[in-house]
């Protein structure tokens, strides 16, 4: 193992954690370290089957763990680029969470638009 002073560079933390130094913040749910969305995009570029759950986690973008705005839009872009290996449950969480977020802001028309992107369950 290397000591704190022997590290070459700080971990690729999300922007809201950049000033916290080289400390890593662990994901409470899975035990994997929290990384910046740009880091995850680079990993996806190098491995087409990289875990999309990590990439689309709102905490890799913002300090608000229930802000799904960028995560949902990023998922739609990835789907358009033929990345389809996000499980149905993950897709459902993204859609439902973003729709609820929009509805809570009084934007129910946009919430309906988001819900229309729900994967078919037929």
N, C-alpha and C. Protein backbone atom coordinates (compact mmCIF):
# COMPACT_ATOMS: atom_id res chain seq x y z
N UNK A 1 0.83 -1.18 0.00
CA UNK A 1 0.00 0.00 0.00
C UNK A 1 0.88 1.25 0.00
N UNK A 2 0.32 2.32 -0.51
CA UNK A 2 1.05 3.57 -0.55
C UNK A 2 0.52 4.51 0.51
N UNK A 3 1.39 5.33 1.02
CA UNK A 3 0.95 6.30 2.02
C UNK A 3 0.30 7.48 1.31
N UNK A 4 -0.39 8.31 2.10
CA UNK A 4 -1.09 9.47 1.55
C UNK A 4 -0.14 10.40 0.78
N UNK A 5 1.10 10.54 1.25
CA UNK A 5 2.04 11.45 0.58
C UNK A 5 2.65 10.85 -0.69
N UNK A 6 2.53 9.53 -0.89
CA UNK A 6 3.09 8.88 -2.06
C UNK A 6 2.13 8.83 -3.25
N UNK A 7 0.91 9.31 -3.11
CA UNK A 7 -0.06 9.25 -4.19
C UNK A 7 0.34 10.18 -5.32
N UNK A 8 0.16 9.72 -6.53
CA UNK A 8 0.51 10.49 -7.72
C UNK A 8 -0.50 11.63 -7.95
N UNK A 9 -1.77 11.32 -7.76
CA UNK A 9 -2.82 12.32 -7.98
C UNK A 9 -4.02 11.98 -7.10
N UNK A 10 -4.87 12.95 -6.92
CA UNK A 10 -6.09 12.73 -6.16
C UNK A 10 -7.07 11.88 -6.97
N UNK A 11 -7.95 11.24 -6.26
CA UNK A 11 -8.99 10.44 -6.92
C UNK A 11 -9.91 11.36 -7.72
N UNK A 12 -10.50 10.85 -8.81
CA UNK A 12 -11.40 11.67 -9.62
C UNK A 12 -12.76 11.84 -8.94
N UNK A 13 -12.78 12.74 -7.97
CA UNK A 13 -14.00 12.97 -7.20
C UNK A 13 -14.96 13.88 -7.96
N UNK A 14 -16.26 13.80 -7.65
CA UNK A 14 -17.22 14.74 -8.24
C UNK A 14 -16.84 16.18 -7.87
N UNK A 15 -17.23 17.15 -8.67
CA UNK A 15 -16.84 18.54 -8.43
C UNK A 15 -17.14 19.06 -7.02
N UNK A 16 -18.25 18.65 -6.45
CA UNK A 16 -18.60 19.15 -5.13
C UNK A 16 -17.72 18.58 -4.02
N UNK A 17 -16.90 17.57 -4.32
CA UNK A 17 -15.98 16.99 -3.34
C UNK A 17 -14.52 17.30 -3.64
N UNK A 18 -14.25 18.04 -4.70
CA UNK A 18 -12.87 18.29 -5.13
C UNK A 18 -12.02 18.96 -4.06
N UNK A 19 -12.59 19.86 -3.30
CA UNK A 19 -11.81 20.60 -2.30
C UNK A 19 -11.57 19.79 -1.03
N UNK A 20 -12.07 18.57 -1.00
CA UNK A 20 -11.92 17.76 0.21
C UNK A 20 -10.58 17.03 0.25
N UNK A 21 -9.71 17.25 -0.73
CA UNK A 21 -8.40 16.60 -0.75
C UNK A 21 -8.45 15.27 -1.45
N UNK A 22 -7.50 14.40 -1.10
CA UNK A 22 -7.39 13.11 -1.77
C UNK A 22 -8.20 12.02 -1.09
N UNK A 23 -8.95 12.34 -0.08
CA UNK A 23 -9.76 11.32 0.59
C UNK A 23 -10.82 10.80 -0.36
N UNK A 24 -11.09 9.52 -0.30
CA UNK A 24 -12.14 8.94 -1.11
C UNK A 24 -13.39 8.82 -0.28
N UNK A 25 -14.50 8.98 -0.93
CA UNK A 25 -15.78 8.83 -0.24
C UNK A 25 -16.40 7.54 -0.74
N UNK A 26 -16.71 6.64 0.17
CA UNK A 26 -17.27 5.35 -0.22
C UNK A 26 -18.77 5.44 -0.37
N UNK A 27 -19.25 4.68 -1.33
CA UNK A 27 -20.69 4.54 -1.54
C UNK A 27 -21.23 3.71 -0.39
N UNK A 28 -22.19 4.25 0.35
CA UNK A 28 -22.73 3.55 1.51
C UNK A 28 -23.45 2.25 1.14
N UNK A 29 -24.05 2.22 -0.04
CA UNK A 29 -24.86 1.07 -0.41
C UNK A 29 -24.03 -0.12 -0.88
N UNK A 30 -23.00 0.11 -1.63
CA UNK A 30 -22.28 -0.99 -2.28
C UNK A 30 -20.84 -1.11 -1.81
N UNK A 31 -20.30 -0.07 -1.20
CA UNK A 31 -18.93 -0.12 -0.73
C UNK A 31 -17.90 0.23 -1.79
N UNK A 32 -18.34 0.72 -2.94
CA UNK A 32 -17.39 1.14 -3.97
C UNK A 32 -17.18 2.64 -3.86
N UNK A 33 -16.01 3.13 -4.24
CA UNK A 33 -15.73 4.56 -4.10
C UNK A 33 -16.56 5.41 -5.06
N UNK A 34 -16.86 6.60 -4.61
CA UNK A 34 -17.61 7.56 -5.41
C UNK A 34 -16.65 8.28 -6.35
N UNK A 35 -16.99 8.34 -7.63
CA UNK A 35 -16.14 8.97 -8.64
C UNK A 35 -16.94 9.96 -9.48
N UNK A 36 -16.24 10.85 -10.14
CA UNK A 36 -16.85 11.86 -11.00
C UNK A 36 -17.46 11.21 -12.24
N UNK A 37 -18.55 11.80 -12.74
CA UNK A 37 -19.22 11.26 -13.91
C UNK A 37 -18.28 11.22 -15.13
N UNK A 38 -17.37 12.17 -15.25
CA UNK A 38 -16.42 12.17 -16.38
C UNK A 38 -15.50 10.96 -16.32
N UNK A 39 -15.10 10.57 -15.11
CA UNK A 39 -14.30 9.36 -14.93
C UNK A 39 -15.08 8.14 -15.42
N UNK A 40 -16.34 8.07 -15.05
CA UNK A 40 -17.18 6.94 -15.49
C UNK A 40 -17.37 6.94 -17.00
N UNK A 41 -17.51 8.10 -17.60
CA UNK A 41 -17.64 8.17 -19.06
C UNK A 41 -16.38 7.68 -19.76
N UNK A 42 -15.23 8.02 -19.21
CA UNK A 42 -13.97 7.51 -19.77
C UNK A 42 -13.88 6.00 -19.63
N UNK A 43 -14.32 5.48 -18.49
CA UNK A 43 -14.32 4.03 -18.29
C UNK A 43 -15.27 3.36 -19.28
N UNK A 44 -16.42 3.97 -19.52
CA UNK A 44 -17.38 3.42 -20.49
C UNK A 44 -16.79 3.44 -21.89
N UNK A 45 -16.04 4.48 -22.20
CA UNK A 45 -15.40 4.57 -23.51
C UNK A 45 -14.38 3.43 -23.70
N UNK A 46 -13.66 3.10 -22.63
CA UNK A 46 -12.65 2.05 -22.74
C UNK A 46 -13.25 0.65 -22.58
N UNK A 47 -14.41 0.54 -21.96
CA UNK A 47 -15.08 -0.76 -21.77
C UNK A 47 -16.57 -0.56 -22.02
N UNK A 48 -17.02 -0.94 -23.20
CA UNK A 48 -18.42 -0.71 -23.61
C UNK A 48 -19.43 -1.32 -22.64
N UNK A 49 -19.03 -2.26 -21.81
CA UNK A 49 -19.95 -2.91 -20.88
C UNK A 49 -19.74 -2.46 -19.44
N UNK A 50 -19.15 -1.29 -19.26
CA UNK A 50 -18.92 -0.73 -17.93
C UNK A 50 -20.26 -0.52 -17.22
N UNK A 51 -20.25 -0.65 -15.90
CA UNK A 51 -21.46 -0.56 -15.09
C UNK A 51 -22.12 0.81 -15.20
N UNK A 52 -23.31 0.85 -15.78
CA UNK A 52 -24.01 2.11 -15.95
C UNK A 52 -24.62 2.63 -14.66
N UNK A 53 -24.84 1.77 -13.69
CA UNK A 53 -25.39 2.21 -12.40
C UNK A 53 -24.47 3.23 -11.74
N UNK A 54 -23.17 2.98 -11.79
CA UNK A 54 -22.21 3.93 -11.21
C UNK A 54 -22.20 5.24 -11.98
N UNK A 55 -22.23 5.15 -13.30
CA UNK A 55 -22.19 6.33 -14.16
C UNK A 55 -23.40 7.23 -13.94
N UNK A 56 -24.58 6.62 -13.78
CA UNK A 56 -25.82 7.38 -13.70
C UNK A 56 -26.23 7.72 -12.26
N UNK A 57 -25.41 7.37 -11.30
CA UNK A 57 -25.69 7.71 -9.91
C UNK A 57 -25.65 9.23 -9.76
N UNK A 58 -26.72 9.86 -9.28
CA UNK A 58 -26.73 11.33 -9.16
C UNK A 58 -25.57 11.88 -8.32
N UNK A 59 -25.06 11.10 -7.36
CA UNK A 59 -23.98 11.58 -6.51
C UNK A 59 -22.65 11.69 -7.25
N UNK A 60 -22.56 11.11 -8.46
CA UNK A 60 -21.35 11.30 -9.26
C UNK A 60 -21.37 12.65 -9.98
N UNK A 61 -22.50 13.36 -9.86
CA UNK A 61 -22.68 14.63 -10.55
C UNK A 61 -22.93 15.77 -9.57
N UNK A 62 -23.80 15.53 -8.58
CA UNK A 62 -24.24 16.57 -7.68
C UNK A 62 -24.28 16.07 -6.24
N UNK A 63 -24.24 16.99 -5.30
CA UNK A 63 -24.29 16.60 -3.89
C UNK A 63 -25.69 16.19 -3.46
N UNK A 64 -26.70 16.47 -4.28
CA UNK A 64 -28.08 16.10 -3.97
C UNK A 64 -28.36 14.70 -4.51
N UNK A 65 -28.47 13.70 -3.64
CA UNK A 65 -28.64 12.31 -4.11
C UNK A 65 -29.99 12.03 -4.76
N UNK A 66 -30.92 12.97 -4.74
CA UNK A 66 -32.21 12.76 -5.38
C UNK A 66 -32.43 13.71 -6.56
N UNK A 67 -31.36 14.30 -7.07
CA UNK A 67 -31.43 15.17 -8.25
C UNK A 67 -31.07 14.33 -9.47
N UNK A 68 -32.08 13.88 -10.18
CA UNK A 68 -31.88 12.96 -11.30
C UNK A 68 -31.88 13.66 -12.66
N UNK A 69 -31.82 14.98 -12.68
CA UNK A 69 -31.90 15.70 -13.96
C UNK A 69 -30.84 15.25 -14.96
N UNK A 70 -29.59 15.43 -14.61
CA UNK A 70 -28.52 15.11 -15.55
C UNK A 70 -28.40 13.60 -15.78
N UNK A 71 -28.64 12.83 -14.74
CA UNK A 71 -28.56 11.37 -14.88
C UNK A 71 -29.56 10.87 -15.92
N UNK A 72 -30.80 11.37 -15.85
CA UNK A 72 -31.83 10.92 -16.80
C UNK A 72 -31.48 11.34 -18.22
N UNK A 73 -31.06 12.58 -18.40
CA UNK A 73 -30.71 13.06 -19.75
C UNK A 73 -29.48 12.33 -20.29
N UNK A 74 -28.53 12.06 -19.44
CA UNK A 74 -27.35 11.31 -19.85
C UNK A 74 -27.74 9.89 -20.28
N UNK A 75 -28.65 9.28 -19.55
CA UNK A 75 -29.12 7.93 -19.92
C UNK A 75 -29.80 7.97 -21.29
N UNK A 76 -30.59 8.99 -21.57
CA UNK A 76 -31.24 9.08 -22.87
C UNK A 76 -30.22 9.22 -23.99
N UNK A 77 -29.16 9.97 -23.76
CA UNK A 77 -28.09 10.11 -24.76
C UNK A 77 -27.40 8.76 -24.96
N UNK A 78 -27.10 8.07 -23.86
CA UNK A 78 -26.43 6.77 -23.96
C UNK A 78 -27.31 5.75 -24.69
N UNK A 79 -28.61 5.79 -24.42
CA UNK A 79 -29.53 4.89 -25.14
C UNK A 79 -29.50 5.17 -26.63
N UNK A 80 -29.45 6.44 -27.00
CA UNK A 80 -29.39 6.81 -28.42
C UNK A 80 -28.10 6.33 -29.06
N UNK A 81 -27.05 6.14 -28.25
CA UNK A 81 -25.77 5.63 -28.75
C UNK A 81 -25.66 4.11 -28.62
N UNK A 82 -26.80 3.46 -28.41
CA UNK A 82 -26.91 2.00 -28.34
C UNK A 82 -26.28 1.36 -27.10
N UNK A 83 -26.20 2.10 -26.03
CA UNK A 83 -25.82 1.50 -24.75
C UNK A 83 -27.12 1.06 -24.09
N UNK A 84 -27.29 -0.23 -23.95
CA UNK A 84 -28.58 -0.73 -23.48
C UNK A 84 -28.46 -1.66 -22.29
N UNK A 85 -27.32 -1.70 -21.63
CA UNK A 85 -27.12 -2.69 -20.58
C UNK A 85 -27.45 -2.19 -19.17
N UNK A 86 -28.28 -1.16 -19.07
CA UNK A 86 -28.82 -0.77 -17.77
C UNK A 86 -30.05 -1.63 -17.52
N UNK A 87 -30.09 -2.30 -16.37
CA UNK A 87 -31.20 -3.21 -16.08
C UNK A 87 -32.53 -2.45 -16.04
N UNK A 88 -33.62 -3.19 -16.23
CA UNK A 88 -34.95 -2.58 -16.23
C UNK A 88 -35.24 -1.85 -14.92
N UNK A 89 -34.77 -2.41 -13.82
CA UNK A 89 -34.98 -1.78 -12.52
C UNK A 89 -34.27 -0.42 -12.48
N UNK A 90 -33.04 -0.38 -12.98
CA UNK A 90 -32.30 0.87 -13.02
C UNK A 90 -32.98 1.91 -13.90
N UNK A 91 -33.50 1.47 -15.04
CA UNK A 91 -34.24 2.37 -15.92
C UNK A 91 -35.49 2.89 -15.21
N UNK A 92 -36.18 2.00 -14.53
CA UNK A 92 -37.39 2.38 -13.82
C UNK A 92 -37.11 3.38 -12.71
N UNK A 93 -36.02 3.17 -11.99
CA UNK A 93 -35.65 4.11 -10.91
C UNK A 93 -35.35 5.48 -11.50
N UNK A 94 -34.59 5.52 -12.58
CA UNK A 94 -34.28 6.81 -13.22
C UNK A 94 -35.55 7.53 -13.66
N UNK A 95 -36.41 6.82 -14.37
CA UNK A 95 -37.64 7.43 -14.88
C UNK A 95 -38.55 7.88 -13.75
N UNK A 96 -38.81 7.01 -12.79
CA UNK A 96 -39.73 7.35 -11.70
C UNK A 96 -39.17 8.48 -10.83
N UNK A 97 -37.89 8.44 -10.55
CA UNK A 97 -37.29 9.46 -9.69
C UNK A 97 -37.29 10.83 -10.36
N UNK A 98 -36.96 10.86 -11.64
CA UNK A 98 -36.93 12.14 -12.34
C UNK A 98 -38.36 12.67 -12.52
N UNK A 99 -39.30 11.78 -12.82
CA UNK A 99 -40.69 12.20 -12.96
C UNK A 99 -41.21 12.77 -11.63
N UNK A 100 -40.90 12.12 -10.53
CA UNK A 100 -41.32 12.61 -9.21
C UNK A 100 -40.68 13.96 -8.91
N UNK A 101 -39.43 14.12 -9.29
CA UNK A 101 -38.73 15.39 -9.08
C UNK A 101 -39.42 16.51 -9.87
N UNK A 102 -39.75 16.24 -11.12
CA UNK A 102 -40.44 17.23 -11.94
C UNK A 102 -41.82 17.55 -11.39
N UNK A 103 -42.54 16.52 -10.99
CA UNK A 103 -43.88 16.74 -10.46
C UNK A 103 -43.85 17.57 -9.18
N UNK A 104 -42.86 17.33 -8.34
CA UNK A 104 -42.75 18.10 -7.09
C UNK A 104 -42.46 19.58 -7.35
N UNK A 105 -41.90 19.88 -8.54
CA UNK A 105 -41.65 21.26 -8.92
C UNK A 105 -42.82 21.88 -9.69
N UNK A 106 -43.92 21.11 -9.80
CA UNK A 106 -45.09 21.61 -10.52
C UNK A 106 -45.01 21.43 -12.02
N UNK A 107 -44.04 20.69 -12.49
CA UNK A 107 -43.85 20.47 -13.94
C UNK A 107 -44.43 19.11 -14.34
N UNK A 108 -45.71 18.90 -14.04
CA UNK A 108 -46.31 17.59 -14.26
C UNK A 108 -46.36 17.20 -15.73
N UNK A 109 -46.44 18.19 -16.65
CA UNK A 109 -46.44 17.86 -18.08
C UNK A 109 -45.13 17.18 -18.48
N UNK A 110 -44.01 17.68 -17.93
CA UNK A 110 -42.72 17.09 -18.22
C UNK A 110 -42.56 15.76 -17.50
N UNK A 111 -43.20 15.62 -16.34
CA UNK A 111 -43.17 14.35 -15.63
C UNK A 111 -43.85 13.27 -16.47
N UNK A 112 -44.95 13.62 -17.13
CA UNK A 112 -45.63 12.67 -18.02
C UNK A 112 -44.72 12.30 -19.18
N UNK A 113 -44.02 13.27 -19.74
CA UNK A 113 -43.07 13.01 -20.83
C UNK A 113 -42.01 12.00 -20.40
N UNK A 114 -41.49 12.17 -19.20
CA UNK A 114 -40.46 11.25 -18.69
C UNK A 114 -41.05 9.86 -18.49
N UNK A 115 -42.25 9.78 -17.93
CA UNK A 115 -42.87 8.47 -17.69
C UNK A 115 -43.13 7.73 -19.00
N UNK A 116 -43.35 8.47 -20.06
CA UNK A 116 -43.56 7.83 -21.36
C UNK A 116 -42.30 7.11 -21.85
N UNK A 117 -41.17 7.37 -21.24
CA UNK A 117 -39.93 6.68 -21.60
C UNK A 117 -39.71 5.41 -20.79
N UNK A 118 -40.68 5.06 -19.97
CA UNK A 118 -40.59 3.84 -19.17
C UNK A 118 -40.50 2.63 -20.10
N UNK A 119 -39.60 1.68 -19.80
CA UNK A 119 -39.50 0.50 -20.67
C UNK A 119 -40.81 -0.28 -20.68
N UNK A 120 -41.11 -0.85 -21.83
CA UNK A 120 -42.33 -1.65 -21.95
C UNK A 120 -42.30 -2.83 -21.00
N UNK A 121 -43.43 -3.07 -20.35
CA UNK A 121 -43.51 -4.21 -19.44
C UNK A 121 -44.49 -5.25 -19.96
N UNK A 122 -44.85 -5.16 -21.23
CA UNK A 122 -45.82 -6.10 -21.81
C UNK A 122 -45.22 -7.44 -22.01
